[in-house]
Amino acid sequence: VPAWLPIAAVQEMYYDESLHLDVKTGPLRSQRSLTGIRGVPVTKKGFQHRSLLLTAPVIFQERRKPSIDCDSTFGSSFVKEQHNTVQTSVCASPFVCPDSVFNNPAASFSCVGG
């Protein structure tokens, strides 16, 4: 059964061995010198004038007009509350909003319309 060492004995053992605990900066010899590999041969070729252009598939979306009439009662009331916030804080003095934003709730926040 191993016995517990006093702290002083552990410190003494550490300081006796600490001279061998130098900072390790890496291997003494590189992997290249160990394996004998001097590099990968690369043959350079001139620029080929032919090329190929690839693109991702094009996705088409159907445009729909914004509306304040949402599918849910909560959505419609939320749009009205957001428009009220725009009128009272964003468009309030000293700021000025165009009439198309100030009078149109769908201009600031809207649901998908028809």
C-alpha atoms as a PDB file:
ATOM      1  CA  VAL A   1       0.000   0.000   0.000  1.00  0.00           C
ATOM      2  CA  PRO A   2       1.548   3.314  -1.029  1.00  0.00           C
ATOM      3  CA  ALA A   3       2.064   5.812   1.724  1.00  0.00           C
ATOM      4  CA  TRP A   4       1.199   9.506   1.589  1.00  0.00           C
ATOM      5  CA  LEU A   5       4.228  11.730   1.245  1.00  0.00           C
ATOM      6  CA  PRO A   6       4.526  14.950   3.186  1.00  0.00           C
ATOM      7  CA  ILE A   7       4.215  18.162   1.163  1.00  0.00           C
ATOM      8  CA  ALA A   8       7.855  19.050   1.845  1.00  0.00           C
ATOM      9  CA  ALA A   9       9.015  15.738   0.341  1.00  0.00           C
ATOM     10  CA  VAL A  10       6.874  16.283  -2.787  1.00  0.00           C
ATOM     11  CA  GLN A  11       8.275  19.813  -3.224  1.00  0.00           C
ATOM     12  CA  GLU A  12      11.823  18.524  -2.833  1.00  0.00           C
ATOM     13  CA  MET A  13      11.228  15.841  -5.487  1.00  0.00           C
ATOM     14  CA  TYR A  14       9.770  18.480  -7.844  1.00  0.00           C
ATOM     15  CA  TYR A  15      12.710  20.867  -7.453  1.00  0.00           C
ATOM     16  CA  ASP A  16      15.225  18.020  -7.934  1.00  0.00           C
ATOM     17  CA  GLU A  17      13.583  17.110 -11.278  1.00  0.00           C
ATOM     18  CA  SER A  18      12.639  20.620 -12.436  1.00  0.00           C
ATOM     19  CA  LEU A  19      15.968  21.114 -14.224  1.00  0.00           C
ATOM     20  CA  HIS A  20      14.890  18.445 -16.714  1.00  0.00           C
ATOM     21  CA  LEU A  21      11.511  20.128 -17.333  1.00  0.00           C
ATOM     22  CA  ASP A  22      12.587  22.570 -20.022  1.00  0.00           C
ATOM     23  CA  VAL A  23      10.092  24.220 -22.352  1.00  0.00           C
ATOM     24  CA  LYS A  24       9.419  21.946 -25.296  1.00  0.00           C
ATOM     25  CA  THR A  25       9.343  23.900 -28.572  1.00  0.00           C
ATOM     26  CA  GLY A  26       8.658  20.943 -30.830  1.00  0.00           C
ATOM     27  CA  PRO A  27      10.394  17.845 -32.137  1.00  0.00           C
ATOM     28  CA  LEU A  28      14.156  17.889 -32.399  1.00  0.00           C
ATOM     29  CA  ARG A  29      13.934  16.683 -36.004  1.00  0.00           C
ATOM     30  CA  SER A  30      11.140  17.479 -38.427  1.00  0.00           C
ATOM     31  CA  GLN A  31       8.923  14.839 -39.974  1.00  0.00           C
ATOM     32  CA  ARG A  32      10.443  15.674 -43.337  1.00  0.00           C
ATOM     33  CA  SER A  33      13.985  14.882 -42.166  1.00  0.00           C
ATOM     34  CA  LEU A  34      12.814  11.682 -40.466  1.00  0.00           C
ATOM     35  CA  THR A  35      11.012  10.299 -43.527  1.00  0.00           C
ATOM     36  CA  GLY A  36      13.376  11.616 -46.172  1.00  0.00           C
ATOM     37  CA  ILE A  37      10.618  13.315 -48.161  1.00  0.00           C
ATOM     38  CA  ARG A  38      11.924  16.449 -49.821  1.00  0.00           C
ATOM     39  CA  GLY A  39       8.655  17.703 -51.291  1.00  0.00           C
ATOM     40  CA  VAL A  40       5.880  16.707 -53.612  1.00  0.00           C
ATOM     41  CA  PRO A  41       6.771  17.133 -57.273  1.00  0.00           C
ATOM     42  CA  VAL A  42       4.363  19.508 -59.023  1.00  0.00           C
ATOM     43  CA  THR A  43       4.222  19.962 -62.758  1.00  0.00           C
ATOM     44  CA  LYS A  44       2.913  23.339 -63.822  1.00  0.00           C
ATOM     45  CA  LYS A  45       0.792  23.558 -66.905  1.00  0.00           C
ATOM     46  CA  GLY A  46      -0.245  26.594 -68.888  1.00  0.00           C
ATOM     47  CA  PHE A  47      -3.658  28.175 -68.569  1.00  0.00           C
ATOM     48  CA  GLN A  48      -6.386  26.234 -70.315  1.00  0.00           C
ATOM     49  CA  HIS A  49      -8.668  28.566 -72.262  1.00  0.00           C
ATOM     50  CA  ARG A  50     -11.702  26.315 -71.994  1.00  0.00           C
ATOM     51  CA  SER A  51     -13.719  26.709 -68.853  1.00  0.00           C
ATOM     52  CA  LEU A  52     -16.975  25.545 -67.372  1.00  0.00           C
ATOM     53  CA  LEU A  53     -19.507  27.648 -65.505  1.00  0.00           C
ATOM     54  CA  LEU A  54     -21.721  25.982 -62.912  1.00  0.00           C
ATOM     55  CA  THR A  55     -24.524  27.624 -60.997  1.00  0.00           C
ATOM     56  CA  ALA A  56     -26.996  26.695 -58.320  1.00  0.00           C
ATOM     57  CA  PRO A  57     -30.591  26.071 -59.357  1.00  0.00           C
ATOM     58  CA  VAL A  58     -32.703  29.181 -59.719  1.00  0.00           C
ATOM     59  CA  ILE A  59     -35.609  29.445 -57.309  1.00  0.00           C
ATOM     60  CA  PHE A  60     -38.604  31.460 -58.391  1.00  0.00           C
ATOM     61  CA  GLN A  61     -40.876  33.040 -55.839  1.00  0.00           C
ATOM     62  CA  GLU A  62     -44.335  34.404 -56.334  1.00  0.00           C
ATOM     63  CA  ARG A  63     -44.689  38.030 -55.262  1.00  0.00           C
ATOM     64  CA  ARG A  64     -47.594  38.766 -52.984  1.00  0.00           C
ATOM     65  CA  LYS A  65     -48.804  42.080 -51.671  1.00  0.00           C
ATOM     66  CA  PRO A  66     -48.355  42.907 -47.980  1.00  0.00           C
ATOM     67  CA  SER A  67     -51.538  42.960 -45.949  1.00  0.00           C
ATOM     68  CA  ILE A  68     -52.616  43.850 -42.421  1.00  0.00           C
ATOM     69  CA  ASP A  69     -55.214  41.072 -42.460  1.00  0.00           C
ATOM     70  CA  CYS A  70     -53.442  38.008 -41.092  1.00  0.00           C
ATOM     71  CA  ASP A  71     -54.607  34.426 -40.713  1.00  0.00           C
ATOM     72  CA  SER A  72     -54.865  34.856 -36.938  1.00  0.00           C
ATOM     73  CA  THR A  73     -56.381  37.484 -34.686  1.00  0.00           C
ATOM     74  CA  PHE A  74     -53.092  37.773 -32.835  1.00  0.00           C
ATOM     75  CA  GLY A  75     -51.216  38.482 -36.072  1.00  0.00           C
ATOM     76  CA  SER A  76     -53.597  41.241 -37.114  1.00  0.00           C
ATOM     77  CA  SER A  77     -53.491  42.904 -33.680  1.00  0.00           C
ATOM     78  CA  PHE A  78     -49.700  42.597 -33.623  1.00  0.00           C
ATOM     79  CA  VAL A  79     -49.419  44.395 -36.972  1.00  0.00           C
ATOM     80  CA  LYS A  80     -51.636  47.204 -35.675  1.00  0.00           C
ATOM     81  CA  GLU A  81     -49.590  47.495 -32.464  1.00  0.00           C
ATOM     82  CA  GLN A  82     -46.347  47.659 -34.453  1.00  0.00           C
ATOM     83  CA  HIS A  83     -47.771  50.384 -36.684  1.00  0.00           C
ATOM     84  CA  ASN A  84     -48.853  52.316 -33.591  1.00  0.00           C
ATOM     85  CA  THR A  85     -45.267  51.994 -32.276  1.00  0.00           C
ATOM     86  CA  VAL A  86     -43.930  53.334 -35.567  1.00  0.00           C
ATOM     87  CA  GLN A  87     -46.290  56.297 -35.422  1.00  0.00           C
ATOM     88  CA  THR A  88     -45.574  57.171 -31.779  1.00  0.00           C
ATOM     89  CA  SER A  89     -41.818  56.572 -31.592  1.00  0.00           C
ATOM     90  CA  VAL A  90     -40.102  56.150 -34.948  1.00  0.00           C
ATOM     91  CA  CYS A  91     -42.072  58.810 -36.815  1.00  0.00           C
ATOM     92  CA  ALA A  92     -42.517  61.102 -33.801  1.00  0.00           C
ATOM     93  CA  SER A  93     -40.898  64.533 -33.626  1.00  0.00           C
ATOM     94  CA  PRO A  94     -38.078  65.325 -34.424  1.00  0.00           C
ATOM     95  CA  PHE A  95     -38.213  62.467 -36.936  1.00  0.00           C
ATOM     96  CA  VAL A  96     -40.349  62.604 -40.052  1.00  0.00           C
ATOM     97  CA  CYS A  97     -41.714  59.647 -41.988  1.00  0.00           C
ATOM     98  CA  PRO A  98     -43.269  59.794 -45.428  1.00  0.00           C
ATOM     99  CA  ASP A  99     -47.049  59.557 -45.592  1.00  0.00           C
ATOM    100  CA  SER A 100     -46.769  56.187 -47.325  1.00  0.00           C
ATOM    101  CA  VAL A 101     -45.216  54.780 -44.137  1.00  0.00           C
ATOM    102  CA  PHE A 102     -47.103  56.837 -41.566  1.00  0.00           C
ATOM    103  CA  ASN A 103     -50.575  56.086 -42.966  1.00  0.00           C
ATOM    104  CA  ASN A 104     -49.990  52.526 -44.196  1.00  0.00           C
ATOM    105  CA  PRO A 105     -49.626  49.853 -41.497  1.00  0.00           C
ATOM    106  CA  ALA A 106     -48.406  47.291 -44.059  1.00  0.00           C
ATOM    107  CA  ALA A 107     -45.398  49.469 -44.863  1.00  0.00           C
ATOM    108  CA  SER A 108     -43.749  48.816 -41.499  1.00  0.00           C
ATOM    109  CA  PHE A 109     -44.911  45.315 -40.648  1.00  0.00           C
ATOM    110  CA  SER A 110     -47.302  43.045 -42.498  1.00  0.00           C
ATOM    111  CA  CYS A 111     -48.581  39.575 -43.197  1.00  0.00           C
ATOM    112  CA  VAL A 112     -48.618  37.820 -46.533  1.00  0.00           C
ATOM    113  CA  GLY A 113     -51.564  39.068 -48.556  1.00  0.00           C
ATOM    114  CA  GLY A 114     -53.195  37.996 -51.781  1.00  0.00           C
END
